[in-house]
Structures are given as structure tokens and as C-alpha cells.
Amino acid sequence: EVQLVESGGGLVQPGGSLRLSCAASGFTISTYIMQWVRQAPGKGLEWVSTSNSGDSRTAYADSVKGRFTISRDNAKNTLYLQMNSLNPDDTAVYYCQGAGARGQGTQVTVSS
């Protein structure tokens, strides 16, 4: 069974940092494009970042470029999202997705 489990969310002050993790099971992330998406309150899903398989290429939404970094540890079968310089607009439920699956999400709240 393909499964993705996110963790690492929480409450952080503006300007702070968080690192999200996404543990995969039932498939090997090294062979799949993996992504982070988010959903802010009252809004639709927004693409955040993509990590290609094989060539290490990454891509970011303009809203997070220069602040967020996607990475993967294929040995641990885990995807990460390092988020720095967080601001209230980053408040959302963050989901990882790949291999046709999406996790249950982890809440990130940026507030003073």
C-alpha cells in the first residue's frame, strides 16, 4: 500500500523556520517525482515545490523561491521541505504527494 505521512508542522513566529518531513512507504521515492503542495484556509490547493527523480532538479513557486528548499533522502525514503523566513501567508496545511498518493497533511501556522 502506497502511503505518505507528513510531520514537522506547528506554530512558528514570523521570520522563523520549520522543516517538514514526508515518510513514504509502499514505493521507492527515488523513482518518482515528488511534490509539496499546500492549502491555506478557505483556498484551493497551491503547488509549492517539485523534486525530480534521477537528475536532482527542483522547482519552486515564486511565493516561496529563495525561502524554501525541497530535498530527499532516498536511503530513508523521505522527502523534506526546509522553510525559512516564514510569514503569515505561509499558513496552510502542507501535503506531500507522489506515486499517485497524497499524505494527510501537516498544519503550519505562522503567527506572532
Protein backbone atom coordinates (compact mmCIF):
# COMPACT_ATOMS: atom_id res chain seq x y z
CA GLU A 1 0.00 0.00 0.00
CA VAL A 2 1.35 3.41 -1.00
CA GLN A 3 1.42 5.74 1.99
CA LEU A 4 2.80 9.21 2.72
CA VAL A 5 2.99 10.59 6.25
CA GLU A 6 3.91 14.23 6.83
CA SER A 7 5.28 15.64 10.08
CA GLY A 8 7.08 18.69 11.40
CA GLY A 9 4.35 21.30 11.24
CA GLY A 10 3.47 23.61 14.08
CA LEU A 11 3.14 27.19 15.25
CA VAL A 12 6.03 29.50 14.43
CA GLN A 13 6.58 33.24 14.65
CA PRO A 14 7.08 35.34 11.50
CA GLY A 15 10.66 35.04 10.37
CA GLY A 16 11.01 31.59 11.86
CA SER A 17 11.82 28.24 10.29
CA LEU A 18 10.38 24.77 10.15
CA ARG A 19 11.40 21.55 8.44
CA LEU A 20 8.67 19.28 7.18
CA SER A 21 9.22 15.59 6.60
CA CYS A 22 7.29 13.14 4.47
CA ALA A 23 7.92 9.47 5.11
CA ALA A 24 6.96 7.22 2.21
CA SER A 25 6.10 3.55 2.29
CA GLY A 26 4.88 1.08 -0.30
CA PHE A 27 7.06 2.59 -3.02
CA THR A 28 10.56 3.99 -3.52
CA ILE A 29 10.68 7.77 -3.82
CA SER A 30 13.94 7.66 -5.77
CA THR A 31 12.00 6.66 -8.88
CA TYR A 32 9.23 9.23 -8.57
CA ILE A 33 8.76 12.94 -8.94
CA MET A 34 7.75 14.20 -5.51
CA GLN A 35 6.00 17.43 -4.66
CA TRP A 36 4.85 19.61 -1.81
CA VAL A 37 1.53 21.39 -2.09
CA ARG A 38 -0.38 23.45 0.45
CA GLN A 39 -3.89 24.61 1.19
CA ALA A 40 -4.48 27.84 3.07
CA PRO A 41 -7.75 28.39 4.95
CA GLY A 42 -10.60 28.96 2.51
CA LYS A 43 -8.39 28.49 -0.56
CA GLY A 44 -7.60 25.75 -3.04
CA LEU A 45 -4.51 23.61 -3.31
CA GLU A 46 -1.37 25.53 -4.24
CA TRP A 47 1.73 23.89 -5.69
CA VAL A 48 4.82 24.71 -3.62
CA SER A 49 7.77 22.69 -4.90
CA THR A 50 8.84 19.72 -7.01
CA SER A 51 11.79 17.38 -6.72
CA ASN A 52 12.60 15.42 -9.85
CA SER A 53 13.76 11.86 -9.68
CA GLY A 54 17.10 10.98 -11.21
CA ASP A 55 18.52 14.41 -12.05
CA SER A 56 18.09 16.26 -8.73
CA ARG A 57 16.33 19.16 -10.41
CA THR A 58 13.96 21.17 -8.26
CA ALA A 59 11.35 23.84 -8.86
CA TYR A 60 9.58 26.32 -6.62
CA ALA A 61 6.55 28.55 -6.69
CA ASP A 62 7.50 32.22 -6.89
CA SER A 63 5.90 32.78 -3.49
CA VAL A 64 8.44 30.52 -1.76
CA LYS A 65 11.50 30.77 -4.02
CA GLY A 66 14.62 31.65 -2.05
CA ARG A 67 12.99 30.74 1.26
CA PHE A 68 12.03 27.07 0.91
CA THR A 69 14.25 24.14 -0.03
CA ILE A 70 13.00 20.72 -1.10
CA SER A 71 15.24 17.72 -0.63
CA ARG A 72 15.03 13.98 -0.39
CA ASP A 73 16.87 11.24 1.43
CA ASN A 74 16.41 8.22 -0.77
CA ALA A 75 18.04 5.94 1.78
CA LYS A 76 15.37 6.92 4.31
CA ASN A 77 12.67 7.09 1.64
CA THR A 78 11.79 10.54 2.97
CA LEU A 79 11.07 13.90 1.38
CA TYR A 80 11.76 17.17 3.18
CA LEU A 81 10.81 20.82 2.94
CA GLN A 82 13.01 23.32 4.77
CA MET A 83 11.06 26.52 5.25
CA ASN A 84 12.84 29.71 6.29
CA SER A 85 11.73 33.32 6.70
CA LEU A 86 8.17 32.20 7.21
CA ASN A 87 5.38 34.76 7.05
CA PRO A 88 1.66 34.61 7.82
CA ASP A 89 0.87 33.96 4.14
CA ASP A 90 2.61 30.60 4.53
CA THR A 91 -0.05 29.44 6.97
CA ALA A 92 -1.59 26.32 5.44
CA VAL A 93 -1.89 22.58 5.61
CA TYR A 94 1.13 21.17 3.78
CA TYR A 95 0.87 17.92 1.85
CA CYS A 96 3.45 15.82 0.08
CA GLN A 97 2.44 13.87 -2.99
CA GLY A 98 3.90 11.36 -5.38
CA ALA A 99 3.22 7.97 -6.95
CA GLY A 100 -0.43 8.94 -7.21
CA ALA A 101 -0.80 9.46 -3.49
CA ARG A 102 -1.07 12.40 -1.13
CA GLY A 103 -0.49 12.38 2.60
CA GLN A 104 -2.86 13.55 5.31
CA GLY A 105 -1.06 16.86 5.68
CA THR A 106 0.63 18.78 8.47
CA GLN A 107 -0.55 22.16 9.73
CA VAL A 108 1.81 25.12 9.59
CA THR A 109 0.69 28.28 11.35
CA VAL A 110 2.78 31.45 11.19
CA SER A 111 1.65 33.96 13.76
CA SER A 112 3.00 36.23 16.46
